[in-house]
Amino acid sequence: MPHRRNGGFIAPPRADESLKNLAATGANWISLLVNVGQETIASTKVFRTQPRTAADAELKRMIDLAHGLGMRVALLVNVDLSNDPVHTQREIGIAFTSEAQWQEWFASYRELLNYYATFSQEAGVDMLVIGDALVGTTQRENDWRRVIKEARERFKGPITYAALYAQGSLSDGEDVRIKWWDAVDYIGWQPFYPLTDKNDPTVAELKAAWTEKGYLAAIENLSKQFNKPVIAIEFGYRSQDGANKWPLNWTSTAPVDLQEQADCYQAALEVLWGKPWLAGIFWWEWRAQAGLGGPKDTSAIPYGKPAEEVLKKFYLSP
């Protein structure tokens, strides 16, 4: 269930071709990102802005095409910073110094999310992801419960949130710190966990790390605590030497390594496939422009690489 990322325009014919290539892997869901913005981490106004934010008509066309290809669609609302290159959306809120600022930000965020909840209902979206790695805000339990309540008034399908994984101790992750998982339908999980401390580990070593480092037990315990299934909302590996050591490193300049990416996919699917608490995986990433990826590419895109064949082996097997 890979992500489809839009950077503004989702134009035919390349976007249509890309979606058809994705359907050929056997994927039965896509996560369609809607990039919205705010200027800095201290801003209290969240906005839609084209071309960064895809137009509703573009989104609706892709939703209809995905449905026509037999795939269901999750719409994920993602906040980018338009004028703050040294921070990320994870830090939104840390600069707020008053309750008034918090309430202004949440009022703006609710307005925007309510817009997309209404759009999702009218466009036939199958699941709504109400936020992504807004780590600096999710301790505001009552405010997020209101976000969810108002979204449910407009969208009748399942709802989740994409929580950032633990970057230090497992007890420090956003996923385990959120207190309001009971209010959504799925626990949204981003398992970009470091696996080994070496390049090119074997599949067996990669699989062992999932268990020995406590990753599987931690998320299974969270699922039991809230009696909610888990979805890996965002998850993947670059086709790069050493990708397993720090999967969330998007700035590394290490050389291409197609096999390490494929082995990471293989190990993850072998350890996660069939787990009763796991409802699915959205792989990061599959770009809206056809042709990106391929054997010389070091990004996380699996298209045209051995990792794509791993997906097909699992998704297309009877």
C-alpha atoms as a PDB file:
ATOM      1  CA  MET A   1       0.000   0.000   0.000  1.00  0.00           C
ATOM      2  CA  PRO A   2       2.474   2.659  -1.086  1.00  0.00           C
ATOM      3  CA  HIS A   3       2.182   6.408  -0.689  1.00  0.00           C
ATOM      4  CA  ARG A   4       1.601   8.576  -3.720  1.00  0.00           C
ATOM      5  CA  ARG A   5       3.182  11.935  -3.143  1.00  0.00           C
ATOM      6  CA  ASN A   6       1.964  15.101  -4.838  1.00  0.00           C
ATOM      7  CA  GLY A   7       4.120  18.196  -5.059  1.00  0.00           C
ATOM      8  CA  GLY A   8       1.273  20.306  -6.422  1.00  0.00           C
ATOM      9  CA  PHE A   9       0.091  19.190  -9.830  1.00  0.00           C
ATOM     10  CA  ILE A  10      -0.898  15.570 -10.427  1.00  0.00           C
ATOM     11  CA  ALA A  11      -1.058  15.818 -14.169  1.00  0.00           C
ATOM     12  CA  PRO A  12      -1.824  13.211 -16.790  1.00  0.00           C
ATOM     13  CA  PRO A  13      -0.407  11.283 -18.505  1.00  0.00           C
ATOM     14  CA  ARG A  14       2.597  10.684 -16.194  1.00  0.00           C
ATOM     15  CA  ALA A  15       0.557  10.513 -12.993  1.00  0.00           C
ATOM     16  CA  ASP A  16      -1.917   8.112 -14.578  1.00  0.00           C
ATOM     17  CA  GLU A  17       0.909   5.891 -15.798  1.00  0.00           C
ATOM     18  CA  SER A  18       2.517   5.937 -12.341  1.00  0.00           C
ATOM     19  CA  LEU A  19      -0.728   4.877 -10.691  1.00  0.00           C
ATOM     20  CA  LYS A  20      -1.159   2.021 -13.161  1.00  0.00           C
ATOM     21  CA  ASN A  21       2.404   0.890 -12.441  1.00  0.00           C
ATOM     22  CA  LEU A  22       1.563   0.915  -8.763  1.00  0.00           C
ATOM     23  CA  ALA A  23      -1.582  -1.153  -9.283  1.00  0.00           C
ATOM     24  CA  ALA A  24       0.535  -3.722 -11.128  1.00  0.00           C
ATOM     25  CA  THR A  25       2.414  -4.502  -7.898  1.00  0.00           C
ATOM     26  CA  GLY A  26      -0.803  -5.835  -6.354  1.00  0.00           C
ATOM     27  CA  ALA A  27      -1.142  -2.915  -3.930  1.00  0.00           C
ATOM     28  CA  ASN A  28      -4.767  -2.531  -2.865  1.00  0.00           C
ATOM     29  CA  TRP A  29      -4.527   0.870  -1.126  1.00  0.00           C
ATOM     30  CA  ILE A  30      -2.733   4.139  -1.762  1.00  0.00           C
ATOM     31  CA  SER A  31      -2.088   7.024   0.621  1.00  0.00           C
ATOM     32  CA  LEU A  32      -2.545  10.270  -1.290  1.00  0.00           C
ATOM     33  CA  LEU A  33      -0.683  13.125   0.382  1.00  0.00           C
ATOM     34  CA  VAL A  34      -2.131  16.621   0.485  1.00  0.00           C
ATOM     35  CA  ASN A  35       0.597  19.103   1.332  1.00  0.00           C
ATOM     36  CA  VAL A  36      -0.641  22.152   3.211  1.00  0.00           C
ATOM     37  CA  GLY A  37       1.495  24.735   4.957  1.00  0.00           C
ATOM     38  CA  GLN A  38       2.316  27.308   7.541  1.00  0.00           C
ATOM     39  CA  GLU A  39       5.165  29.804   7.435  1.00  0.00           C
ATOM     40  CA  THR A  40       7.199  28.894  10.532  1.00  0.00           C
ATOM     41  CA  ILE A  41       6.946  26.726  13.634  1.00  0.00           C
ATOM     42  CA  ALA A  42       5.621  29.788  15.504  1.00  0.00           C
ATOM     43  CA  SER A  43       2.860  30.564  12.986  1.00  0.00           C
ATOM     44  CA  THR A  44      -0.739  30.012  14.007  1.00  0.00           C
ATOM     45  CA  LYS A  45      -2.264  30.022  10.505  1.00  0.00           C
ATOM     46  CA  VAL A  46      -2.356  26.807   8.457  1.00  0.00           C
ATOM     47  CA  PHE A  47      -3.222  27.275   4.793  1.00  0.00           C
ATOM     48  CA  ARG A  48      -3.675  25.692   1.403  1.00  0.00           C
ATOM     49  CA  THR A  49      -1.520  27.134  -1.367  1.00  0.00           C
ATOM     50  CA  GLN A  50      -1.184  26.095  -4.984  1.00  0.00           C
ATOM     51  CA  PRO A  51       0.800  24.669  -6.628  1.00  0.00           C
ATOM     52  CA  ARG A  52       2.178  23.079  -3.441  1.00  0.00           C
ATOM     53  CA  THR A  53      -1.313  21.974  -2.451  1.00  0.00           C
ATOM     54  CA  ALA A  54      -2.956  19.898  -5.145  1.00  0.00           C
ATOM     55  CA  ALA A  55      -6.265  21.249  -6.427  1.00  0.00           C
ATOM     56  CA  ASP A  56      -9.388  19.377  -5.390  1.00  0.00           C
ATOM     57  CA  ALA A  57     -10.131  18.465  -9.006  1.00  0.00           C
ATOM     58  CA  GLU A  58      -6.691  16.859  -9.337  1.00  0.00           C
ATOM     59  CA  LEU A  59      -7.170  14.886  -6.147  1.00  0.00           C
ATOM     60  CA  LYS A  60     -10.646  13.744  -7.189  1.00  0.00           C
ATOM     61  CA  ARG A  61      -9.362  12.537 -10.564  1.00  0.00           C
ATOM     62  CA  MET A  62      -6.648  10.454  -8.896  1.00  0.00           C
ATOM     63  CA  ILE A  63      -9.103   9.066  -6.340  1.00  0.00           C
ATOM     64  CA  ASP A  64     -11.454   7.999  -9.132  1.00  0.00           C
ATOM     65  CA  LEU A  65      -8.597   6.475 -11.141  1.00  0.00           C
ATOM     66  CA  ALA A  66      -7.341   4.530  -8.119  1.00  0.00           C
ATOM     67  CA  HIS A  67     -10.828   3.200  -7.453  1.00  0.00           C
ATOM     68  CA  GLY A  68     -11.105   2.212 -11.109  1.00  0.00           C
ATOM     69  CA  LEU A  69      -7.871   0.248 -10.762  1.00  0.00           C
ATOM     70  CA  GLY A  70      -9.197  -1.613  -7.717  1.00  0.00           C
ATOM     71  CA  MET A  71      -7.371   0.355  -5.049  1.00  0.00           C
ATOM     72  CA  ARG A  72      -8.820   2.165  -2.062  1.00  0.00           C
ATOM     73  CA  VAL A  73      -7.574   5.589  -1.051  1.00  0.00           C
ATOM     74  CA  ALA A  74      -6.401   7.159   2.205  1.00  0.00           C
ATOM     75  CA  LEU A  75      -6.071  10.943   2.153  1.00  0.00           C
ATOM     76  CA  LEU A  76      -3.219  12.171   4.351  1.00  0.00           C
ATOM     77  CA  VAL A  77      -2.999  15.833   5.362  1.00  0.00           C
ATOM     78  CA  ASN A  78       0.664  16.851   5.731  1.00  0.00           C
ATOM     79  CA  VAL A  79       1.876  20.250   7.007  1.00  0.00           C
ATOM     80  CA  ASP A  80       5.031  21.713   5.473  1.00  0.00           C
ATOM     81  CA  LEU A  81       6.835  24.894   6.548  1.00  0.00           C
ATOM     82  CA  SER A  82       7.049  27.500   3.772  1.00  0.00           C
ATOM     83  CA  ASN A  83       9.491  29.931   5.389  1.00  0.00           C
ATOM     84  CA  ASP A  84      11.440  28.039   8.039  1.00  0.00           C
ATOM     85  CA  PRO A  85      14.224  25.914   6.511  1.00  0.00           C
ATOM     86  CA  VAL A  86      15.857  24.980   9.822  1.00  0.00           C
ATOM     87  CA  HIS A  87      12.779  23.336  11.355  1.00  0.00           C
ATOM     88  CA  THR A  88      10.226  20.670  10.424  1.00  0.00           C
ATOM     89  CA  GLN A  89       6.572  20.095  11.183  1.00  0.00           C
ATOM     90  CA  ARG A  90       7.684  17.971  14.152  1.00  0.00           C
ATOM     91  CA  GLU A  91       8.555  21.214  15.961  1.00  0.00           C
ATOM     92  CA  ILE A  92       5.328  23.125  15.345  1.00  0.00           C
ATOM     93  CA  GLY A  93       4.138  24.461  18.681  1.00  0.00           C
ATOM     94  CA  ILE A  94       7.426  24.483  20.569  1.00  0.00           C
ATOM     95  CA  ALA A  95       7.682  28.245  20.045  1.00  0.00           C
ATOM     96  CA  PHE A  96       4.190  29.002  21.343  1.00  0.00           C
ATOM     97  CA  THR A  97       4.298  31.000  24.564  1.00  0.00           C
ATOM     98  CA  SER A  98       0.600  31.461  25.331  1.00  0.00           C
ATOM     99  CA  GLU A  99      -2.655  29.544  25.406  1.00  0.00           C
ATOM    100  CA  ALA A 100      -4.037  32.046  22.895  1.00  0.00           C
ATOM    101  CA  GLN A 101      -1.443  30.919  20.345  1.00  0.00           C
ATOM    102  CA  TRP A 102      -2.375  27.282  20.862  1.00  0.00           C
ATOM    103  CA  GLN A 103      -6.059  28.019  20.385  1.00  0.00           C
ATOM    104  CA  GLU A 104      -5.398  30.090  17.255  1.00  0.00           C
ATOM    105  CA  TRP A 105      -3.347  27.276  15.742  1.00  0.00           C
ATOM    106  CA  PHE A 106      -5.879  24.574  16.552  1.00  0.00           C
ATOM    107  CA  ALA A 107      -8.752  26.706  15.248  1.00  0.00           C
ATOM    108  CA  SER A 108      -6.889  27.139  11.958  1.00  0.00           C
ATOM    109  CA  TYR A 109      -5.941  23.461  11.787  1.00  0.00           C
ATOM    110  CA  ARG A 110      -9.511  22.358  12.483  1.00  0.00           C
ATOM    111  CA  GLU A 111     -10.832  24.647   9.763  1.00  0.00           C
ATOM    112  CA  LEU A 112      -8.416  23.189   7.238  1.00  0.00           C
ATOM    113  CA  LEU A 113      -8.949  19.597   8.314  1.00  0.00           C
ATOM    114  CA  ASN A 114     -12.722  20.026   8.305  1.00  0.00           C
ATOM    115  CA  TYR A 115     -12.425  21.206   4.720  1.00  0.00           C
ATOM    116  CA  TYR A 116     -10.638  17.986   3.760  1.00  0.00           C
ATOM    117  CA  ALA A 117     -12.965  15.843   5.832  1.00  0.00           C
ATOM    118  CA  THR A 118     -15.889  17.257   3.848  1.00  0.00           C
ATOM    119  CA  PHE A 119     -13.977  16.827   0.589  1.00  0.00           C
ATOM    120  CA  SER A 120     -13.088  13.238   1.513  1.00  0.00           C
ATOM    121  CA  GLN A 121     -16.701  12.359   2.212  1.00  0.00           C
ATOM    122  CA  GLU A 122     -17.881  13.856  -1.069  1.00  0.00           C
ATOM    123  CA  ALA A 123     -14.995  12.408  -3.116  1.00  0.00           C
ATOM    124  CA  GLY A 124     -15.387   8.859  -1.836  1.00  0.00           C
ATOM    125  CA  VAL A 125     -12.103   8.695   0.098  1.00  0.00           C
ATOM    126  CA  ASP A 126     -11.848   5.425   2.044  1.00  0.00           C
ATOM    127  CA  MET A 127      -9.798   6.619   5.041  1.00  0.00           C
ATOM    128  CA  LEU A 128      -8.700  10.006   6.398  1.00  0.00           C
ATOM    129  CA  VAL A 129      -5.297  10.561   8.039  1.00  0.00           C
ATOM    130  CA  ILE A 130      -5.760  13.698  10.149  1.00  0.00           C
ATOM    131  CA  GLY A 131      -2.106  14.637  10.600  1.00  0.00           C
ATOM    132  CA  ASP A 132       1.486  13.519  10.213  1.00  0.00           C
ATOM    133  CA  ALA A 133       4.317  13.764  12.780  1.00  0.00           C
ATOM    134  CA  LEU A 134       2.990  16.893  14.516  1.00  0.00           C
ATOM    135  CA  VAL A 135       4.989  15.816  17.537  1.00  0.00           C
ATOM    136  CA  GLY A 136       4.994  19.222  19.206  1.00  0.00           C
ATOM    137  CA  THR A 137       1.199  19.341  19.337  1.00  0.00           C
ATOM    138  CA  THR A 138      -0.090  15.862  20.138  1.00  0.00           C
ATOM    139  CA  GLN A 139       0.345  16.217  23.890  1.00  0.00           C
ATOM    140  CA  ARG A 140      -2.690  18.566  23.672  1.00  0.00           C
ATOM    141  CA  GLU A 141      -5.158  15.743  24.235  1.00  0.00           C
ATOM    142  CA  ASN A 142      -8.383  17.738  24.506  1.00  0.00           C
ATOM    143  CA  ASP A 143      -7.561  19.795  21.429  1.00  0.00           C
ATOM    144  CA  TRP A 144      -6.904  16.707  19.335  1.00  0.00           C
ATOM    145  CA  ARG A 145     -10.091  15.064  20.571  1.00  0.00           C
ATOM    146  CA  ARG A 146     -11.950  18.103  19.264  1.00  0.00           C
ATOM    147  CA  VAL A 147     -10.121  17.828  15.922  1.00  0.00           C
ATOM    148  CA  ILE A 148     -11.265  14.211  15.642  1.00  0.00           C
ATOM    149  CA  LYS A 149     -14.837  14.945  16.763  1.00  0.00           C
ATOM    150  CA  GLU A 150     -15.298  17.663  14.144  1.00  0.00           C
ATOM    151  CA  ALA A 151     -13.706  15.532  11.427  1.00  0.00           C
ATOM    152  CA  ARG A 152     -16.079  12.663  12.225  1.00  0.00           C
ATOM    153  CA  GLU A 153     -19.053  14.995  11.864  1.00  0.00           C
ATOM    154  CA  ARG A 154     -18.015  15.472   8.234  1.00  0.00           C
ATOM    155  CA  PHE A 155     -16.322  12.209   7.247  1.00  0.00           C
ATOM    156  CA  LYS A 156     -17.972   8.872   7.997  1.00  0.00           C
ATOM    157  CA  GLY A 157     -15.111   6.541   7.122  1.00  0.00           C
ATOM    158  CA  PRO A 158     -12.221   5.371   9.323  1.00  0.00           C
ATOM    159  CA  ILE A 159      -9.778   7.930  10.723  1.00  0.00           C
ATOM    160  CA  THR A 160      -6.193   7.652  11.904  1.00  0.00           C
ATOM    161  CA  TYR A 161      -3.128   9.804  12.615  1.00  0.00           C
ATOM    162  CA  ALA A 162       0.498   9.208  11.534  1.00  0.00           C
ATOM    163  CA  ALA A 163       2.645   9.208  14.696  1.00  0.00           C
ATOM    164  CA  LEU A 164       6.418   9.470  14.518  1.00  0.00           C
ATOM    165  CA  TYR A 165       8.357   6.468  15.775  1.00  0.00           C
ATOM    166  CA  ALA A 166      10.685   6.580  18.783  1.00  0.00           C
ATOM    167  CA  GLN A 167      14.053   8.062  17.807  1.00  0.00           C
ATOM    168  CA  GLY A 168      15.661   7.205  21.131  1.00  0.00           C
ATOM    169  CA  SER A 169      14.123   4.980  23.761  1.00  0.00           C
ATOM    170  CA  LEU A 170      10.972   3.182  22.633  1.00  0.00           C
ATOM    171  CA  SER A 171       9.170   4.887  25.516  1.00  0.00           C
ATOM    172  CA  ASP A 172       9.905   8.293  23.949  1.00  0.00           C
ATOM    173  CA  GLY A 173       8.058   7.784  20.680  1.00  0.00           C
ATOM    174  CA  GLU A 174       5.101   9.938  19.734  1.00  0.00           C
ATOM    175  CA  ASP A 175       3.132   6.752  19.150  1.00  0.00           C
ATOM    176  CA  VAL A 176       3.366   5.641  22.799  1.00  0.00           C
ATOM    177  CA  ARG A 177       2.923   9.149  24.212  1.00  0.00           C
ATOM    178  CA  ILE A 178      -0.405   9.855  22.516  1.00  0.00           C
ATOM    179  CA  LYS A 179      -3.294   9.421  24.973  1.00  0.00           C
ATOM    180  CA  TRP A 180      -6.173   9.731  22.501  1.00  0.00           C
ATOM    181  CA  TRP A 181      -5.750   6.641  20.302  1.00  0.00           C
ATOM    182  CA  ASP A 182      -9.128   5.460  21.586  1.00  0.00           C
ATOM    183  CA  ALA A 183     -10.762   8.277  19.583  1.00  0.00           C
ATOM    184  CA  VAL A 184      -9.507   7.058  16.171  1.00  0.00           C
ATOM    185  CA  ASP A 185      -9.989   3.785  14.328  1.00  0.00           C
ATOM    186  CA  TYR A 186      -6.356   2.757  13.850  1.00  0.00           C
ATOM    187  CA  ILE A 187      -3.068   3.462  15.581  1.00  0.00           C
ATOM    188  CA  GLY A 188      -0.945   5.085  12.881  1.00  0.00           C
ATOM    189  CA  TRP A 189       2.684   3.969  13.121  1.00  0.00           C
ATOM    190  CA  GLN A 190       5.862   5.012  11.299  1.00  0.00           C
ATOM    191  CA  PRO A 191       8.380   2.204  11.950  1.00  0.00           C
ATOM    192  CA  PHE A 192      11.544   3.803  10.537  1.00  0.00           C
ATOM    193  CA  TYR A 193      13.566   1.895  13.101  1.00  0.00           C
ATOM    194  CA  PRO A 194      17.354   1.477  12.885  1.00  0.00           C
ATOM    195  CA  LEU A 195      17.973  -2.228  12.486  1.00  0.00           C
ATOM    196  CA  THR A 196      21.695  -3.108  12.523  1.00  0.00           C
ATOM    197  CA  ASP A 197      24.963  -1.192  12.815  1.00  0.00           C
ATOM    198  CA  LYS A 198      26.455  -2.436   9.544  1.00  0.00           C
ATOM    199  CA  ASN A 199      25.945  -2.235   5.803  1.00  0.00           C
ATOM    200  CA  ASP A 200      24.490  -5.179   3.925  1.00  0.00           C
ATOM    201  CA  PRO A 201      23.199  -7.340   6.798  1.00  0.00           C
ATOM    202  CA  THR A 202      21.499 -10.585   5.892  1.00  0.00           C
ATOM    203  CA  VAL A 203      17.722 -10.898   5.828  1.00  0.00           C
ATOM    204  CA  ALA A 204      17.996 -13.101   8.913  1.00  0.00           C
ATOM    205  CA  GLU A 205      19.913 -10.383  10.777  1.00  0.00           C
ATOM    206  CA  LEU A 206      17.379  -7.759   9.761  1.00  0.00           C
ATOM    207  CA  LYS A 207      14.495  -9.941  10.933  1.00  0.00           C
ATOM    208  CA  ALA A 208      16.206 -10.645  14.239  1.00  0.00           C
ATOM    209  CA  ALA A 209      16.602  -6.911  14.899  1.00  0.00           C
ATOM    210  CA  TRP A 210      12.840  -6.360  14.753  1.00  0.00           C
ATOM    211  CA  THR A 211      12.409  -8.756  17.662  1.00  0.00           C
ATOM    212  CA  GLU A 212      15.639  -8.324  19.616  1.00  0.00           C
ATOM    213  CA  LYS A 213      15.379  -4.529  19.746  1.00  0.00           C
ATOM    214  CA  GLY A 214      11.813  -4.745  21.062  1.00  0.00           C
ATOM    215  CA  TYR A 215      10.103  -3.083  18.118  1.00  0.00           C
ATOM    216  CA  LEU A 216       7.437  -5.728  17.555  1.00  0.00           C
ATOM    217  CA  ALA A 217       6.648  -6.114  21.251  1.00  0.00           C
ATOM    218  CA  ALA A 218       6.305  -2.345  21.749  1.00  0.00           C
ATOM    219  CA  ILE A 219       3.751  -1.826  19.000  1.00  0.00           C
ATOM    220  CA  GLU A 220       1.849  -5.007  19.865  1.00  0.00           C
ATOM    221  CA  ASN A 221       1.572  -3.803  23.472  1.00  0.00           C
ATOM    222  CA  LEU A 222       0.263  -0.434  22.286  1.00  0.00           C
ATOM    223  CA  SER A 223      -2.333  -2.180  20.148  1.00  0.00           C
ATOM    224  CA  LYS A 224      -3.455  -4.240  23.155  1.00  0.00           C
ATOM    225  CA  GLN A 225      -3.497  -1.195  25.459  1.00  0.00           C
ATOM    226  CA  PHE A 226      -6.027   0.646  23.281  1.00  0.00           C
ATOM    227  CA  ASN A 227      -7.623  -2.420  21.685  1.00  0.00           C
ATOM    228  CA  LYS A 228      -6.955  -0.892  18.262  1.00  0.00           C
ATOM    229  CA  PRO A 229      -5.367  -2.350  15.125  1.00  0.00           C
ATOM    230  CA  VAL A 230      -2.190  -0.745  13.797  1.00  0.00           C
ATOM    231  CA  ILE A 231      -1.401   0.614  10.345  1.00  0.00           C
ATOM    232  CA  ALA A 232       2.138   1.425   9.228  1.00  0.00           C
ATOM    233  CA  ILE A 233       1.165   4.787   7.790  1.00  0.00           C
ATOM    234  CA  GLU A 234       4.617   5.662   6.465  1.00  0.00           C
ATOM    235  CA  PHE A 235       7.508   3.235   6.177  1.00  0.00           C
ATOM    236  CA  GLY A 236      10.362   2.441   3.820  1.00  0.00           C
ATOM    237  CA  TYR A 237      14.044   2.324   3.012  1.00  0.00           C
ATOM    238  CA  ARG A 238      16.313   4.056   0.547  1.00  0.00           C
ATOM    239  CA  SER A 239      18.114   1.952  -2.075  1.00  0.00           C
ATOM    240  CA  GLN A 240      21.404   2.959  -0.583  1.00  0.00           C
ATOM    241  CA  ASP A 241      24.307   1.339   1.204  1.00  0.00           C
ATOM    242  CA  GLY A 242      23.587   1.296   4.932  1.00  0.00           C
ATOM    243  CA  ALA A 243      19.921   2.218   4.590  1.00  0.00           C
ATOM    244  CA  ASN A 244      18.938  -0.219   7.333  1.00  0.00           C
ATOM    245  CA  LYS A 245      21.036   1.666   9.920  1.00  0.00           C
ATOM    246  CA  TRP A 246      18.984   4.861   9.820  1.00  0.00           C
ATOM    247  CA  PRO A 247      16.008   4.551   7.450  1.00  0.00           C
ATOM    248  CA  LEU A 248      14.816   8.122   8.019  1.00  0.00           C
ATOM    249  CA  ASN A 249      18.081   9.664   6.776  1.00  0.00           C
ATOM    250  CA  TRP A 250      17.073  11.479   3.581  1.00  0.00           C
ATOM    251  CA  THR A 251      20.371  13.430   3.271  1.00  0.00           C
ATOM    252  CA  SER A 252      22.866  10.563   3.070  1.00  0.00           C
ATOM    253  CA  THR A 253      25.085  10.471  -0.024  1.00  0.00           C
ATOM    254  CA  ALA A 254      26.057   6.807   0.282  1.00  0.00           C
ATOM    255  CA  PRO A 255      26.192   4.846  -3.005  1.00  0.00           C
ATOM    256  CA  VAL A 256      23.267   3.009  -4.509  1.00  0.00           C
ATOM    257  CA  ASP A 257      22.525  -0.417  -3.012  1.00  0.00           C
ATOM    258  CA  LEU A 258      19.466  -2.020  -4.527  1.00  0.00           C
ATOM    259  CA  GLN A 259      19.874  -5.298  -2.661  1.00  0.00           C
ATOM    260  CA  GLU A 260      19.972  -3.768   0.822  1.00  0.00           C
ATOM    261  CA  GLN A 261      16.674  -2.002   0.147  1.00  0.00           C
ATOM    262  CA  ALA A 262      15.140  -5.240  -1.150  1.00  0.00           C
ATOM    263  CA  ASP A 263      16.425  -7.192   1.849  1.00  0.00           C
ATOM    264  CA  CYS A 264      14.915  -4.626   4.219  1.00  0.00           C
ATOM    265  CA  TYR A 265      11.561  -4.983   2.440  1.00  0.00           C
ATOM    266  CA  GLN A 266      11.833  -8.772   2.579  1.00  0.00           C
ATOM    267  CA  ALA A 267      12.655  -8.809   6.286  1.00  0.00           C
ATOM    268  CA  ALA A 268       9.910  -6.352   7.205  1.00  0.00           C
ATOM    269  CA  LEU A 269       7.256  -8.236   5.271  1.00  0.00           C
ATOM    270  CA  GLU A 270       8.345 -11.574   6.715  1.00  0.00           C
ATOM    271  CA  VAL A 271       8.151 -10.333  10.313  1.00  0.00           C
ATOM    272  CA  LEU A 272       4.952  -8.278   9.895  1.00  0.00           C
ATOM    273  CA  TRP A 273       2.927 -10.368   7.438  1.00  0.00           C
ATOM    274  CA  GLY A 274      -0.032 -12.002   9.124  1.00  0.00           C
ATOM    275  CA  LYS A 275       0.335 -10.261  12.489  1.00  0.00           C
ATOM    276  CA  PRO A 276      -3.218 -10.066  13.883  1.00  0.00           C
ATOM    277  CA  TRP A 277      -2.731  -6.527  15.177  1.00  0.00           C
ATOM    278  CA  LEU A 278      -1.481  -5.128  11.845  1.00  0.00           C
ATOM    279  CA  ALA A 279      -4.081  -3.837   9.382  1.00  0.00           C
ATOM    280  CA  GLY A 280      -1.667  -2.820   6.628  1.00  0.00           C
ATOM    281  CA  ILE A 281       1.439  -1.009   5.403  1.00  0.00           C
ATOM    282  CA  PHE A 282       1.775   2.169   3.355  1.00  0.00           C
ATOM    283  CA  TRP A 283       5.269   2.165   1.852  1.00  0.00           C
ATOM    284  CA  TRP A 284       7.216   5.383   1.485  1.00  0.00           C
ATOM    285  CA  GLU A 285       7.203   6.223  -1.364  1.00  0.00           C
ATOM    286  CA  TRP A 286       5.805   6.048  -4.897  1.00  0.00           C
ATOM    287  CA  ARG A 287       5.974   9.334  -6.781  1.00  0.00           C
ATOM    288  CA  ALA A 288       3.133  10.714  -8.873  1.00  0.00           C
ATOM    289  CA  GLN A 289       5.500  11.190 -11.824  1.00  0.00           C
ATOM    290  CA  ALA A 290       5.952   7.967 -13.763  1.00  0.00           C
ATOM    291  CA  GLY A 291       9.482   6.745 -14.363  1.00  0.00           C
ATOM    292  CA  LEU A 292      11.124   7.936 -11.153  1.00  0.00           C
ATOM    293  CA  GLY A 293      13.155   5.248  -9.444  1.00  0.00           C
ATOM    294  CA  GLY A 294      15.139   2.654 -11.359  1.00  0.00           C
ATOM    295  CA  PRO A 295      18.507   0.962 -10.835  1.00  0.00           C
ATOM    296  CA  LYS A 296      20.621   4.142 -10.472  1.00  0.00           C
ATOM    297  CA  ASP A 297      18.305   5.857  -7.995  1.00  0.00           C
ATOM    298  CA  THR A 298      19.111   6.017  -4.245  1.00  0.00           C
ATOM    299  CA  SER A 299      15.707   7.291  -3.073  1.00  0.00           C
ATOM    300  CA  ALA A 300      13.101   5.261  -1.198  1.00  0.00           C
ATOM    301  CA  ILE A 301      11.077   4.690  -4.385  1.00  0.00           C
ATOM    302  CA  PRO A 302      10.858   0.911  -5.036  1.00  0.00           C
ATOM    303  CA  TYR A 303       9.797   1.257  -8.688  1.00  0.00           C
ATOM    304  CA  GLY A 304      12.130  -0.449 -11.135  1.00  0.00           C
ATOM    305  CA  LYS A 305      14.202  -2.019  -8.364  1.00  0.00           C
ATOM    306  CA  PRO A 306      14.410  -5.444  -6.686  1.00  0.00           C
ATOM    307  CA  ALA A 307      12.270  -4.054  -3.841  1.00  0.00           C
ATOM    308  CA  GLU A 308       9.359  -3.767  -6.276  1.00  0.00           C
ATOM    309  CA  GLU A 309       9.721  -7.460  -7.053  1.00  0.00           C
ATOM    310  CA  VAL A 310       9.589  -8.223  -3.327  1.00  0.00           C
ATOM    311  CA  LEU A 311       6.288  -6.348  -3.122  1.00  0.00           C
ATOM    312  CA  LYS A 312       4.900  -8.279  -6.084  1.00  0.00           C
ATOM    313  CA  LYS A 313       5.953 -11.588  -4.555  1.00  0.00           C
ATOM    314  CA  PHE A 314       3.948 -10.863  -1.406  1.00  0.00           C
ATOM    315  CA  TYR A 315       1.022  -8.966  -2.937  1.00  0.00           C
ATOM    316  CA  LEU A 316       0.400 -11.102  -6.006  1.00  0.00           C
ATOM    317  CA  SER A 317       0.910 -14.551  -4.506  1.00  0.00           C
ATOM    318  CA  PRO A 318      -2.327 -16.565  -4.324  1.00  0.00           C
END
